N, C-alpha and C. Protein backbone atom coordinates (compact mmCIF):
# COMPACT_ATOMS: atom_id res chain seq x y z
N MET A 1 79.13 135.70 118.89
CA MET A 1 78.26 136.12 119.92
C MET A 1 77.45 134.68 120.24
N LYS A 2 77.58 134.44 121.48
CA LYS A 2 76.86 133.28 122.25
C LYS A 2 75.55 133.51 123.02
N ASN A 3 74.56 132.65 122.91
CA ASN A 3 73.48 132.75 123.56
C ASN A 3 73.92 132.00 125.08
N VAL A 4 73.65 132.92 126.30
CA VAL A 4 74.24 132.37 127.60
C VAL A 4 73.05 132.51 128.64
N VAL A 5 72.81 131.42 129.08
CA VAL A 5 71.97 131.48 130.21
C VAL A 5 72.69 131.16 131.35
N ILE A 6 72.46 132.07 132.48
CA ILE A 6 73.16 132.19 133.75
C ILE A 6 72.17 132.00 135.03
N THR A 7 72.30 131.09 136.02
CA THR A 7 71.37 131.28 136.99
C THR A 7 72.06 132.07 138.39
N GLY A 8 71.40 132.59 139.25
CA GLY A 8 71.75 133.26 140.42
C GLY A 8 72.70 134.36 140.18
N THR A 9 71.88 135.16 139.48
CA THR A 9 72.60 136.41 138.87
C THR A 9 72.49 137.70 139.82
N SER A 10 71.80 137.71 140.86
CA SER A 10 71.47 138.88 141.69
C SER A 10 72.62 139.59 142.31
N ARG A 11 73.74 138.48 142.51
CA ARG A 11 74.86 139.06 143.10
C ARG A 11 75.95 137.91 143.30
N GLY A 12 77.24 138.38 143.83
CA GLY A 12 78.38 137.51 143.60
C GLY A 12 78.90 136.99 142.25
N ILE A 13 79.21 135.64 141.97
CA ILE A 13 79.66 135.30 140.86
C ILE A 13 78.84 135.19 139.63
N GLY A 14 77.51 134.98 139.88
CA GLY A 14 76.32 135.18 138.75
C GLY A 14 76.30 136.52 138.30
N PHE A 15 76.37 137.50 139.07
CA PHE A 15 76.20 138.88 138.58
C PHE A 15 77.37 139.31 138.00
N GLU A 16 78.59 139.08 138.24
CA GLU A 16 79.66 139.27 137.72
C GLU A 16 79.76 138.57 136.30
N LEU A 17 79.54 137.28 136.16
CA LEU A 17 79.36 136.45 135.06
C LEU A 17 78.46 137.12 133.92
N ALA A 18 77.42 137.56 134.35
CA ALA A 18 76.36 138.08 133.60
C ALA A 18 77.03 139.35 132.92
N LYS A 19 77.72 140.18 133.70
CA LYS A 19 78.23 141.59 133.18
C LYS A 19 79.37 141.13 132.18
N GLN A 20 80.05 140.13 132.55
CA GLN A 20 81.50 139.91 131.74
C GLN A 20 81.07 139.16 130.24
N PHE A 21 80.02 138.37 130.26
CA PHE A 21 79.46 137.76 128.94
C PHE A 21 78.79 138.83 128.38
N ALA A 22 78.20 139.78 128.97
CA ALA A 22 77.48 140.95 128.18
C ALA A 22 78.32 141.82 127.48
N GLU A 23 79.45 142.22 128.40
CA GLU A 23 80.33 143.15 128.03
C GLU A 23 81.36 142.78 126.77
N ALA A 24 81.40 141.33 126.67
CA ALA A 24 82.21 140.64 125.57
C ALA A 24 81.39 140.50 124.33
N GLY A 25 80.05 141.09 124.28
CA GLY A 25 79.21 141.01 123.12
C GLY A 25 78.36 139.69 122.97
N ASN A 26 78.31 138.97 124.21
CA ASN A 26 76.99 137.84 124.02
C ASN A 26 75.66 138.25 124.58
N ASN A 27 74.84 137.44 124.16
CA ASN A 27 73.52 137.85 124.64
C ASN A 27 73.35 136.77 126.05
N VAL A 28 72.80 137.59 126.92
CA VAL A 28 72.88 136.68 128.30
C VAL A 28 71.13 136.81 128.74
N LEU A 29 71.06 135.55 129.14
CA LEU A 29 69.52 135.23 129.87
C LEU A 29 69.83 135.23 131.25
N ALA A 30 69.70 136.12 132.15
CA ALA A 30 69.90 136.10 133.70
C ALA A 30 68.57 135.70 134.41
N LEU A 31 68.84 134.74 135.06
CA LEU A 31 67.70 134.19 135.91
C LEU A 31 67.98 134.16 137.24
N SER A 32 67.24 134.94 138.18
CA SER A 32 67.29 135.18 139.78
C SER A 32 66.02 135.88 140.12
N ARG A 33 65.79 135.42 141.25
CA ARG A 33 64.47 136.06 142.12
C ARG A 33 64.49 137.69 141.87
N ASN A 34 65.65 138.14 142.29
CA ASN A 34 65.78 139.49 142.45
C ASN A 34 66.70 140.14 140.95
N THR A 35 66.02 140.77 140.20
CA THR A 35 66.64 141.16 139.17
C THR A 35 67.12 142.55 138.95
N GLU A 36 66.81 143.32 140.30
CA GLU A 36 66.99 144.90 140.35
C GLU A 36 68.44 144.98 139.96
N PRO A 37 69.45 144.35 140.62
CA PRO A 37 70.79 144.86 140.37
C PRO A 37 71.42 144.72 138.92
N LEU A 38 71.00 143.83 138.38
CA LEU A 38 71.34 143.79 136.74
C LEU A 38 70.39 144.61 135.86
N GLU A 39 69.31 144.93 136.27
CA GLU A 39 68.42 146.05 135.81
C GLU A 39 68.94 147.26 135.85
N SER A 40 69.54 147.70 136.85
CA SER A 40 70.15 148.77 137.27
C SER A 40 71.54 148.90 136.48
N PHE A 41 72.09 147.76 136.27
CA PHE A 41 73.37 147.70 135.45
C PHE A 41 72.93 148.25 133.90
N ASN A 42 71.77 147.86 133.50
CA ASN A 42 71.19 148.26 132.42
C ASN A 42 72.02 148.09 131.23
N HIS A 43 72.41 146.87 130.86
CA HIS A 43 73.29 146.57 129.60
C HIS A 43 72.29 146.14 128.47
N LYS A 44 72.53 146.41 127.24
CA LYS A 44 71.39 145.89 126.04
C LYS A 44 71.56 144.50 126.01
N ASN A 45 72.65 143.78 126.25
CA ASN A 45 72.79 142.42 125.78
C ASN A 45 72.23 141.48 126.93
N ILE A 46 71.73 141.91 127.98
CA ILE A 46 71.32 141.31 129.24
C ILE A 46 69.65 141.23 129.38
N THR A 47 69.09 140.40 129.30
CA THR A 47 67.69 139.95 129.74
C THR A 47 67.41 139.33 130.98
N THR A 48 66.80 140.02 131.82
CA THR A 48 66.57 139.44 133.14
C THR A 48 65.09 138.83 133.18
N ILE A 49 64.97 137.87 133.84
CA ILE A 49 63.61 137.17 134.22
C ILE A 49 63.61 136.78 135.62
N SER A 50 62.85 137.41 136.23
CA SER A 50 62.61 136.92 137.80
C SER A 50 62.04 135.37 137.86
N VAL A 51 62.97 134.50 138.44
CA VAL A 51 62.50 133.10 138.51
C VAL A 51 63.03 132.61 139.84
N ASP A 52 61.96 132.17 140.43
CA ASP A 52 62.45 131.03 141.48
C ASP A 52 62.67 129.63 140.96
N LEU A 53 63.70 129.26 141.07
CA LEU A 53 64.22 128.03 140.51
C LEU A 53 63.76 126.91 141.08
N SER A 54 63.30 127.07 142.25
CA SER A 54 62.55 125.71 143.03
C SER A 54 61.09 125.60 142.52
N GLN A 55 60.57 126.54 141.70
CA GLN A 55 59.29 126.33 141.20
C GLN A 55 59.35 125.96 139.57
N ASN A 56 58.91 124.72 139.23
CA ASN A 56 58.95 124.53 137.96
C ASN A 56 58.25 125.44 136.88
N ASP A 57 57.20 125.98 137.51
CA ASP A 57 56.38 126.87 136.52
C ASP A 57 57.16 128.34 136.32
N ASP A 58 58.01 128.50 137.14
CA ASP A 58 59.02 129.54 136.91
C ASP A 58 60.07 129.42 135.72
N ILE A 59 60.57 128.19 135.96
CA ILE A 59 61.49 127.87 134.92
C ILE A 59 60.93 127.73 133.48
N LYS A 60 59.56 127.48 133.41
CA LYS A 60 59.08 127.42 132.07
C LYS A 60 59.02 129.06 131.37
N LYS A 61 58.96 130.14 132.29
CA LYS A 61 58.98 131.34 131.60
C LYS A 61 60.40 131.63 131.10
N ALA A 62 61.35 131.06 131.49
CA ALA A 62 62.85 131.17 130.91
C ALA A 62 62.79 130.34 129.44
N VAL A 63 62.19 129.20 129.73
CA VAL A 63 62.15 128.38 128.24
C VAL A 63 61.04 129.06 127.34
N GLY A 64 60.14 129.57 127.68
CA GLY A 64 59.44 130.34 126.84
C GLY A 64 60.05 131.53 126.04
N PHE A 65 60.93 132.24 126.86
CA PHE A 65 61.74 133.47 126.32
C PHE A 65 62.64 132.76 125.10
N ILE A 66 63.38 131.57 125.60
CA ILE A 66 64.15 131.04 124.70
C ILE A 66 63.60 130.57 123.45
N LYS A 67 62.52 130.02 123.45
CA LYS A 67 61.62 129.43 122.49
C LYS A 67 61.28 130.50 121.23
N THR A 68 60.95 131.65 122.10
CA THR A 68 60.41 132.79 121.12
C THR A 68 61.52 133.57 120.68
N GLU A 69 62.48 133.89 121.43
CA GLU A 69 63.79 134.89 121.05
C GLU A 69 65.08 134.37 120.59
N TRP A 70 65.36 133.14 120.95
CA TRP A 70 66.61 132.76 120.90
C TRP A 70 66.76 131.58 119.78
N LYS A 71 65.87 130.57 120.15
CA LYS A 71 65.81 129.25 119.63
C LYS A 71 66.91 128.27 119.76
N GLN A 72 68.10 128.98 120.49
CA GLN A 72 69.02 127.79 120.68
C GLN A 72 69.90 128.64 121.70
N VAL A 73 70.54 127.69 122.72
CA VAL A 73 71.51 128.02 124.03
C VAL A 73 72.70 127.30 123.60
N ASP A 74 73.87 128.44 123.74
CA ASP A 74 75.39 128.04 123.54
C ASP A 74 75.90 127.38 124.88
N ILE A 75 75.50 128.34 125.88
CA ILE A 75 76.31 128.15 127.29
C ILE A 75 75.13 128.22 128.21
N LEU A 76 75.07 127.11 129.24
CA LEU A 76 74.14 127.28 130.33
C LEU A 76 75.30 127.25 131.61
N ILE A 77 75.01 127.93 132.45
CA ILE A 77 75.92 128.01 133.71
C ILE A 77 74.90 128.01 134.90
N ASN A 78 74.87 126.84 135.56
CA ASN A 78 73.96 126.55 136.56
C ASN A 78 74.78 126.96 137.96
N ASN A 79 74.68 128.12 138.25
CA ASN A 79 75.38 128.68 139.43
C ASN A 79 74.62 129.06 140.50
N ALA A 80 73.31 129.28 140.55
CA ALA A 80 72.56 129.45 141.67
C ALA A 80 72.77 128.43 142.78
N GLY A 81 72.85 128.84 143.97
CA GLY A 81 73.02 128.06 145.19
C GLY A 81 72.23 128.34 146.42
N LYS A 82 71.76 127.36 147.33
CA LYS A 82 71.35 127.76 148.65
C LYS A 82 72.12 127.19 149.53
N LEU A 83 72.40 127.71 150.49
CA LEU A 83 73.19 127.20 151.67
C LEU A 83 72.64 127.56 153.29
N ILE A 84 72.57 126.45 153.62
CA ILE A 84 72.08 126.69 155.23
C ILE A 84 73.23 125.80 156.11
N ASN A 85 73.66 126.75 157.04
CA ASN A 85 74.60 126.48 157.94
C ASN A 85 74.05 126.06 159.52
N LYS A 86 73.95 124.84 159.72
CA LYS A 86 73.60 124.29 160.95
C LYS A 86 74.15 122.91 161.24
N PRO A 87 74.37 122.67 162.57
CA PRO A 87 74.69 121.45 162.80
C PRO A 87 73.68 120.22 162.40
N PHE A 88 74.37 119.27 162.15
CA PHE A 88 73.76 118.10 161.41
C PHE A 88 72.43 117.58 162.32
N THR A 89 72.65 117.66 163.80
CA THR A 89 71.33 117.08 164.42
C THR A 89 70.37 118.32 164.36
N GLU A 90 70.64 119.43 164.10
CA GLU A 90 69.62 120.55 164.04
C GLU A 90 68.93 120.53 162.56
N LEU A 91 69.66 119.88 161.65
CA LEU A 91 69.00 120.13 160.24
C LEU A 91 67.86 119.26 160.09
N THR A 92 66.58 120.02 159.59
CA THR A 92 65.64 119.27 159.29
C THR A 92 65.31 118.58 157.86
N SER A 93 64.46 117.80 157.70
CA SER A 93 64.08 117.20 156.36
C SER A 93 63.74 118.47 155.38
N GLU A 94 63.07 119.51 156.03
CA GLU A 94 62.56 120.76 155.29
C GLU A 94 64.04 121.24 154.81
N ASP A 95 64.88 121.41 155.66
CA ASP A 95 66.17 122.23 155.29
C ASP A 95 67.01 121.49 154.24
N PHE A 96 66.90 120.04 154.33
CA PHE A 96 67.69 119.33 153.09
C PHE A 96 66.85 119.61 152.01
N LEU A 97 65.47 119.60 151.93
CA LEU A 97 64.74 119.83 150.77
C LEU A 97 64.75 121.16 150.05
N GLU A 98 65.08 122.21 150.96
CA GLU A 98 65.00 123.54 150.51
C GLU A 98 66.54 123.69 149.82
N VAL A 99 67.52 123.08 150.34
CA VAL A 99 68.73 123.28 149.57
C VAL A 99 68.72 122.41 148.49
N TYR A 100 68.21 121.04 148.46
CA TYR A 100 68.13 120.36 147.42
C TYR A 100 67.39 121.00 146.33
N LYS A 101 66.42 121.63 146.50
CA LYS A 101 65.51 121.78 145.52
C LYS A 101 66.13 123.29 144.53
N VAL A 102 67.17 124.05 145.12
CA VAL A 102 67.88 124.92 144.57
C VAL A 102 69.05 124.29 143.76
N ASN A 103 69.84 123.47 144.66
CA ASN A 103 71.23 123.05 144.35
C ASN A 103 71.18 121.73 143.20
N VAL A 104 70.13 120.89 143.53
CA VAL A 104 69.99 119.80 142.53
C VAL A 104 68.85 119.63 141.67
N PHE A 105 67.54 119.91 142.33
CA PHE A 105 66.52 119.46 141.45
C PHE A 105 66.32 120.72 140.54
N ALA A 106 66.67 121.99 140.73
CA ALA A 106 66.48 123.04 139.71
C ALA A 106 67.45 122.93 138.58
N VAL A 107 68.76 122.45 139.07
CA VAL A 107 69.87 122.16 138.23
C VAL A 107 69.34 121.09 136.95
N ALA A 108 68.65 120.00 137.54
CA ALA A 108 68.03 118.97 136.68
C ALA A 108 67.02 119.45 135.80
N GLU A 109 65.96 120.17 136.47
CA GLU A 109 64.98 120.67 135.64
C GLU A 109 65.29 121.53 134.52
N LEU A 110 66.12 122.41 135.03
CA LEU A 110 66.40 123.69 133.95
C LEU A 110 67.14 123.00 132.89
N THR A 111 68.16 122.17 133.31
CA THR A 111 69.02 121.46 132.09
C THR A 111 68.17 120.74 131.10
N LYS A 112 67.18 119.79 131.64
CA LYS A 112 66.32 119.15 131.14
C LYS A 112 65.40 120.04 130.04
N SER A 113 65.04 120.99 130.63
CA SER A 113 64.16 121.77 129.98
C SER A 113 64.77 122.50 128.67
N LEU A 114 66.23 122.78 128.77
CA LEU A 114 67.09 123.64 127.65
C LEU A 114 67.76 122.61 126.68
N ILE A 115 67.46 121.20 127.10
CA ILE A 115 68.21 120.33 126.18
C ILE A 115 67.80 120.26 124.80
N PRO A 116 66.38 120.68 124.54
CA PRO A 116 66.03 120.93 123.15
C PRO A 116 66.80 121.94 122.44
N PHE A 117 67.25 123.01 122.98
CA PHE A 117 67.87 124.15 122.49
C PHE A 117 69.16 124.19 122.53
N LEU A 118 69.83 122.88 122.98
CA LEU A 118 71.41 122.92 123.06
C LEU A 118 71.76 122.16 121.65
N GLN A 119 72.74 122.66 121.09
CA GLN A 119 73.13 122.21 119.93
C GLN A 119 74.61 121.44 120.01
N LYS A 120 75.16 120.84 118.86
CA LYS A 120 76.58 120.70 118.77
C LYS A 120 77.41 121.64 119.11
N GLY A 121 78.46 121.17 120.30
CA GLY A 121 79.15 122.29 120.71
C GLY A 121 78.78 122.92 121.97
N SER A 122 77.47 122.96 122.35
CA SER A 122 77.07 123.68 123.38
C SER A 122 77.84 123.26 124.78
N HIS A 123 77.81 123.97 125.89
CA HIS A 123 78.60 123.63 127.08
C HIS A 123 77.50 124.12 128.21
N VAL A 124 77.31 122.82 128.92
CA VAL A 124 76.61 123.08 130.27
C VAL A 124 77.59 123.02 131.32
N VAL A 125 77.82 124.31 132.16
CA VAL A 125 78.89 124.20 133.20
C VAL A 125 77.96 124.30 134.61
N THR A 126 78.03 123.49 135.51
CA THR A 126 77.55 123.54 136.84
C THR A 126 78.55 123.87 137.88
N ILE A 127 78.19 124.84 138.73
CA ILE A 127 78.92 125.21 139.72
C ILE A 127 78.84 124.61 141.02
N SER A 128 79.75 123.61 141.24
CA SER A 128 79.78 122.75 142.56
C SER A 128 80.67 123.50 143.56
N SER A 129 81.21 122.62 144.51
CA SER A 129 82.03 123.17 145.64
C SER A 129 82.86 122.19 146.16
N MET A 130 84.27 122.58 146.53
CA MET A 130 85.09 121.76 146.99
C MET A 130 84.48 121.01 148.26
N GLY A 131 83.35 121.19 148.96
CA GLY A 131 82.76 120.46 149.94
C GLY A 131 82.09 119.36 149.41
N GLY A 132 81.82 119.23 147.92
CA GLY A 132 81.25 118.02 147.31
C GLY A 132 82.07 117.08 146.80
N ILE A 133 83.54 117.41 147.02
CA ILE A 133 84.42 116.60 146.54
C ILE A 133 85.09 115.56 147.51
N GLN A 134 85.22 114.24 147.33
CA GLN A 134 85.54 113.23 148.34
C GLN A 134 87.02 113.64 148.69
N GLY A 135 87.44 113.62 149.87
CA GLY A 135 88.61 113.92 150.44
C GLY A 135 88.94 115.32 150.91
N SER A 136 88.18 116.28 150.36
CA SER A 136 88.52 117.62 150.53
C SER A 136 87.94 117.85 152.08
N LEU A 137 88.43 118.93 152.76
CA LEU A 137 88.08 119.53 153.82
C LEU A 137 86.90 119.96 154.00
N LYS A 138 85.90 119.68 154.69
CA LYS A 138 84.64 119.97 154.76
C LYS A 138 84.33 121.22 155.86
N PHE A 139 83.55 122.02 155.58
CA PHE A 139 83.26 122.94 156.86
C PHE A 139 82.07 122.22 157.46
N PRO A 140 82.20 122.09 158.91
CA PRO A 140 81.09 121.62 159.74
C PRO A 140 79.86 122.69 159.45
N GLY A 141 78.82 121.75 159.55
CA GLY A 141 77.73 122.71 159.47
C GLY A 141 77.02 122.78 158.11
N LEU A 142 77.72 121.97 157.22
CA LEU A 142 77.34 122.12 155.79
C LEU A 142 76.69 120.73 155.19
N ALA A 143 76.17 120.01 155.93
CA ALA A 143 75.68 118.61 155.70
C ALA A 143 74.78 118.53 154.31
N ALA A 144 73.68 119.35 154.36
CA ALA A 144 72.82 119.61 153.19
C ALA A 144 73.58 120.14 151.97
N TYR A 145 74.06 121.19 152.21
CA TYR A 145 74.88 121.94 150.98
C TYR A 145 75.93 120.98 150.54
N SER A 146 76.82 120.65 151.05
CA SER A 146 77.87 119.82 150.71
C SER A 146 77.63 118.55 149.73
N SER A 147 76.40 117.81 150.54
CA SER A 147 76.08 116.64 149.99
C SER A 147 75.26 116.96 148.63
N ALA A 148 74.58 118.02 148.65
CA ALA A 148 73.91 118.63 147.21
C ALA A 148 75.01 118.74 146.08
N LYS A 149 76.02 119.57 146.52
CA LYS A 149 77.05 119.75 145.55
C LYS A 149 77.63 118.58 145.08
N GLY A 150 77.66 117.48 145.87
CA GLY A 150 78.17 116.15 145.46
C GLY A 150 77.36 115.57 144.43
N ALA A 151 75.92 115.70 144.67
CA ALA A 151 75.06 114.99 143.69
C ALA A 151 75.02 115.64 142.16
N VAL A 152 75.41 116.99 142.14
CA VAL A 152 75.55 117.59 140.99
C VAL A 152 76.68 117.13 139.99
N ILE A 153 77.84 116.73 140.77
CA ILE A 153 78.66 116.15 140.08
C ILE A 153 78.64 114.90 139.25
N THR A 154 77.92 114.01 140.10
CA THR A 154 77.42 112.65 139.59
C THR A 154 76.56 112.86 138.49
N LEU A 155 75.42 113.88 138.59
CA LEU A 155 74.55 114.18 137.53
C LEU A 155 75.25 114.72 136.28
N SER A 156 76.05 115.36 136.40
CA SER A 156 76.84 115.87 135.21
C SER A 156 77.63 114.93 134.60
N GLU A 157 78.32 114.13 135.32
CA GLU A 157 78.97 112.94 134.68
C GLU A 157 78.02 111.96 133.85
N LEU A 158 76.74 111.83 134.56
CA LEU A 158 75.69 110.86 133.69
C LEU A 158 75.31 111.48 132.41
N LEU A 159 75.07 113.02 132.54
CA LEU A 159 74.65 113.65 131.53
C LEU A 159 75.46 113.80 130.13
N ALA A 160 76.92 113.81 130.63
CA ALA A 160 78.10 113.67 129.58
C ALA A 160 77.84 112.58 128.88
N GLU A 161 77.70 111.52 129.49
CA GLU A 161 77.69 110.19 128.88
C GLU A 161 76.41 110.13 128.23
N GLU A 162 75.34 110.60 128.60
CA GLU A 162 74.03 110.34 127.84
C GLU A 162 73.86 111.26 126.53
N TYR A 163 74.55 112.36 126.48
CA TYR A 163 74.38 113.42 125.48
C TYR A 163 75.66 113.49 124.65
N LYS A 164 76.63 112.46 124.66
CA LYS A 164 77.91 112.50 123.96
C LYS A 164 77.82 112.52 122.49
N GLU A 165 76.79 111.66 122.12
CA GLU A 165 76.42 111.58 120.65
C GLU A 165 75.99 112.96 119.97
N GLN A 166 75.35 113.56 120.61
CA GLN A 166 74.73 114.92 120.35
C GLN A 166 75.82 115.90 120.51
N GLN A 167 77.08 115.62 120.96
CA GLN A 167 78.22 116.72 121.30
C GLN A 167 77.97 117.86 121.87
N ILE A 168 77.12 117.62 123.11
CA ILE A 168 76.94 118.49 124.47
C ILE A 168 77.86 118.23 125.45
N SER A 169 78.43 119.13 125.86
CA SER A 169 79.34 118.98 126.88
C SER A 169 78.74 119.27 128.19
N PHE A 170 79.23 118.52 129.34
CA PHE A 170 78.65 118.77 130.63
C PHE A 170 79.94 118.89 131.62
N ASN A 171 80.21 119.88 132.04
CA ASN A 171 81.38 119.80 133.03
C ASN A 171 81.15 120.57 134.43
N VAL A 172 81.76 120.30 135.57
CA VAL A 172 81.52 120.80 136.76
C VAL A 172 82.66 121.54 137.32
N LEU A 173 82.68 122.64 137.93
CA LEU A 173 83.67 123.57 138.48
C LEU A 173 83.50 123.36 139.98
N ALA A 174 84.36 122.74 140.68
CA ALA A 174 84.08 122.69 142.40
C ALA A 174 85.05 123.75 142.72
N LEU A 175 84.26 124.81 143.15
CA LEU A 175 84.94 125.98 143.68
C LEU A 175 85.35 126.01 145.30
N GLY A 176 86.40 126.44 145.56
CA GLY A 176 86.87 126.81 146.89
C GLY A 176 86.20 127.93 147.66
N ALA A 177 86.68 128.28 148.50
CA ALA A 177 86.05 129.53 149.31
C ALA A 177 86.17 131.02 148.31
N VAL A 178 84.98 131.47 147.95
CA VAL A 178 85.19 132.77 147.15
C VAL A 178 84.46 133.89 148.02
N GLN A 179 84.91 134.88 148.04
CA GLN A 179 84.45 136.14 148.95
C GLN A 179 83.18 136.55 148.22
N THR A 180 81.95 136.23 148.68
CA THR A 180 80.72 136.42 148.10
C THR A 180 79.77 136.65 149.30
N GLU A 181 78.67 137.34 148.97
CA GLU A 181 77.77 137.51 149.98
C GLU A 181 77.32 136.42 150.61
N MET A 182 76.92 135.43 150.09
CA MET A 182 76.57 134.11 150.50
C MET A 182 77.51 133.56 151.68
N LEU A 183 78.82 133.55 151.30
CA LEU A 183 79.67 133.03 152.23
C LEU A 183 79.74 133.76 153.55
N GLU A 184 79.78 135.27 153.23
CA GLU A 184 79.56 136.19 154.57
C GLU A 184 78.44 135.79 155.29
N GLU A 185 77.47 135.56 154.80
CA GLU A 185 76.25 135.24 155.70
C GLU A 185 76.35 134.06 156.17
N ALA A 186 76.87 133.02 155.66
CA ALA A 186 77.15 131.78 156.23
C ALA A 186 78.10 131.67 157.33
N PHE A 187 79.15 132.23 157.01
CA PHE A 187 80.65 132.44 157.80
C PHE A 187 80.84 133.91 158.11
N PRO A 188 80.26 134.57 158.98
CA PRO A 188 80.61 136.04 159.07
C PRO A 188 82.06 136.18 159.60
N GLY A 189 82.71 136.99 158.88
CA GLY A 189 84.35 137.35 159.41
C GLY A 189 85.23 136.45 158.40
N TYR A 190 84.69 135.41 157.79
CA TYR A 190 85.54 134.57 157.16
C TYR A 190 86.13 135.24 155.65
N VAL A 191 87.42 135.28 155.51
CA VAL A 191 88.02 136.15 154.49
C VAL A 191 88.45 135.11 153.37
N ALA A 192 87.79 135.31 152.22
CA ALA A 192 88.48 134.11 151.32
C ALA A 192 89.45 134.55 150.30
N PRO A 193 90.20 133.94 149.71
CA PRO A 193 91.42 134.25 149.11
C PRO A 193 91.00 134.80 147.63
N ILE A 194 89.90 134.70 147.19
CA ILE A 194 89.83 135.05 145.75
C ILE A 194 88.09 135.86 145.82
N SER A 195 88.08 137.08 144.88
CA SER A 195 86.83 137.66 144.84
C SER A 195 85.90 137.12 143.76
N ALA A 196 84.57 137.35 143.97
CA ALA A 196 83.72 137.00 143.14
C ALA A 196 83.90 137.34 141.63
N GLU A 197 84.41 138.46 141.37
CA GLU A 197 84.95 138.99 140.13
C GLU A 197 86.01 138.36 139.37
N ASN A 198 87.08 137.84 140.04
CA ASN A 198 88.27 137.00 139.60
C ASN A 198 87.68 135.46 139.44
N MET A 199 86.99 134.98 140.12
CA MET A 199 86.37 133.70 140.16
C MET A 199 85.58 133.74 138.84
N ALA A 200 84.64 134.80 138.65
CA ALA A 200 83.74 134.73 137.64
C ALA A 200 84.50 134.67 136.09
N GLU A 201 85.88 135.60 136.17
CA GLU A 201 86.58 135.47 134.91
C GLU A 201 87.01 134.16 134.52
N TYR A 202 87.49 133.55 135.56
CA TYR A 202 87.90 132.11 135.41
C TYR A 202 86.91 131.39 134.78
N ILE A 203 85.62 131.38 135.24
CA ILE A 203 84.47 130.60 134.78
C ILE A 203 84.04 131.19 133.45
N PHE A 204 84.14 132.39 133.24
CA PHE A 204 83.63 132.92 131.82
C PHE A 204 84.71 132.30 130.85
N ASN A 205 86.04 132.19 130.96
CA ASN A 205 86.90 131.69 130.14
C ASN A 205 86.68 130.03 129.64
N PHE A 206 86.34 129.46 131.02
CA PHE A 206 86.02 127.89 130.85
C PHE A 206 84.84 127.60 130.15
N ALA A 207 83.75 128.37 130.37
CA ALA A 207 82.46 128.13 129.77
C ALA A 207 82.70 128.32 128.33
N LEU A 208 83.49 129.44 127.73
CA LEU A 208 83.74 129.56 126.32
C LEU A 208 84.61 128.43 125.56
N THR A 209 85.70 127.95 126.34
CA THR A 209 86.34 126.94 125.62
C THR A 209 86.93 125.60 126.39
N GLY A 210 86.41 125.29 127.47
CA GLY A 210 86.74 124.19 128.44
C GLY A 210 86.21 123.07 127.78
N ASN A 211 85.01 123.15 127.11
CA ASN A 211 84.42 121.85 126.38
C ASN A 211 85.20 121.38 125.18
N LYS A 212 86.30 122.22 124.90
CA LYS A 212 86.90 121.68 123.75
C LYS A 212 88.13 120.50 124.34
N VAL A 213 88.29 120.49 125.65
CA VAL A 213 89.16 119.54 126.19
C VAL A 213 88.66 118.75 127.36
N TYR A 214 87.57 119.07 127.64
CA TYR A 214 86.88 118.37 128.94
C TYR A 214 85.51 118.04 128.56
N ASN A 215 85.14 116.80 129.00
CA ASN A 215 83.59 116.63 128.89
C ASN A 215 83.31 115.46 130.11
N GLY A 216 82.25 115.95 131.09
CA GLY A 216 82.13 114.87 132.07
C GLY A 216 83.04 114.86 133.19
N LYS A 217 83.68 116.14 133.28
CA LYS A 217 84.86 116.12 134.23
C LYS A 217 84.35 117.05 135.38
N VAL A 218 85.06 116.91 136.55
CA VAL A 218 84.96 117.97 137.59
C VAL A 218 86.17 118.39 137.89
N LEU A 219 86.51 119.96 137.74
CA LEU A 219 87.72 120.61 138.01
C LEU A 219 87.60 121.23 139.41
N GLN A 220 88.76 120.85 140.05
CA GLN A 220 88.71 121.66 141.35
C GLN A 220 89.51 122.96 141.17
N VAL A 221 88.69 124.18 141.54
CA VAL A 221 89.10 125.38 141.35
C VAL A 221 89.32 126.12 142.85
N SER A 222 90.62 125.77 143.23
CA SER A 222 90.71 126.39 144.74
C SER A 222 92.11 126.56 144.95
N SER A 223 92.64 127.35 145.39
CA SER A 223 94.26 127.57 145.90
C SER A 223 94.30 127.51 147.47
N THR A 224 93.36 127.00 148.02
CA THR A 224 93.47 126.75 149.52
C THR A 224 92.75 125.53 149.61
N ASN A 225 92.82 125.01 150.85
CA ASN A 225 91.99 123.83 151.15
C ASN A 225 91.22 124.17 152.50
N PRO A 226 90.08 124.47 152.29
CA PRO A 226 89.21 124.25 151.35
C PRO A 226 89.27 125.04 150.27
């Protein structure tokens, strides 16, 4: 039984991940602003906390639970994401900041806050995007999103080096298009080749076993371009 923290669990990949880890007998701390979907799922292994990841005080609520109830974290999956689709010349500094707060700053803050609870063999998996990979086909309109997804790749590489003596692993999965609500909202009518449930199954297995052979790596998880 693992203690697993997952962000962005109200829908899509995060929701499916929480279910899969819980049904496999693991303890899940699900962090999302909207906790109702998983509360309705009502699994005894899932604890939900309403968290706005862009607010450091909210992150402290999660840390408080872990300190009191768990004492350690085996897997952290930084899955939450914010996407704004606008032509570059229409993106404001506020748009960039809004996207970076969730996709970069929150990843750094939550990971930093959980470092004291990560033990030898723990695995931090950050969900990036093919849009953050150099040389990949980019969706126009995603200057803020894709650049943020590139930033967390470098962050994870640095953390893998910084914490290698503690044997805490940091890896990134750069996903191609997945049929989620966020994708539909950003690109109405676009049909992705893989479902959220199927992608969650891949991430579930990688989070449990990928750190045995990978550390500080970014894996491209996409059957298409993008």
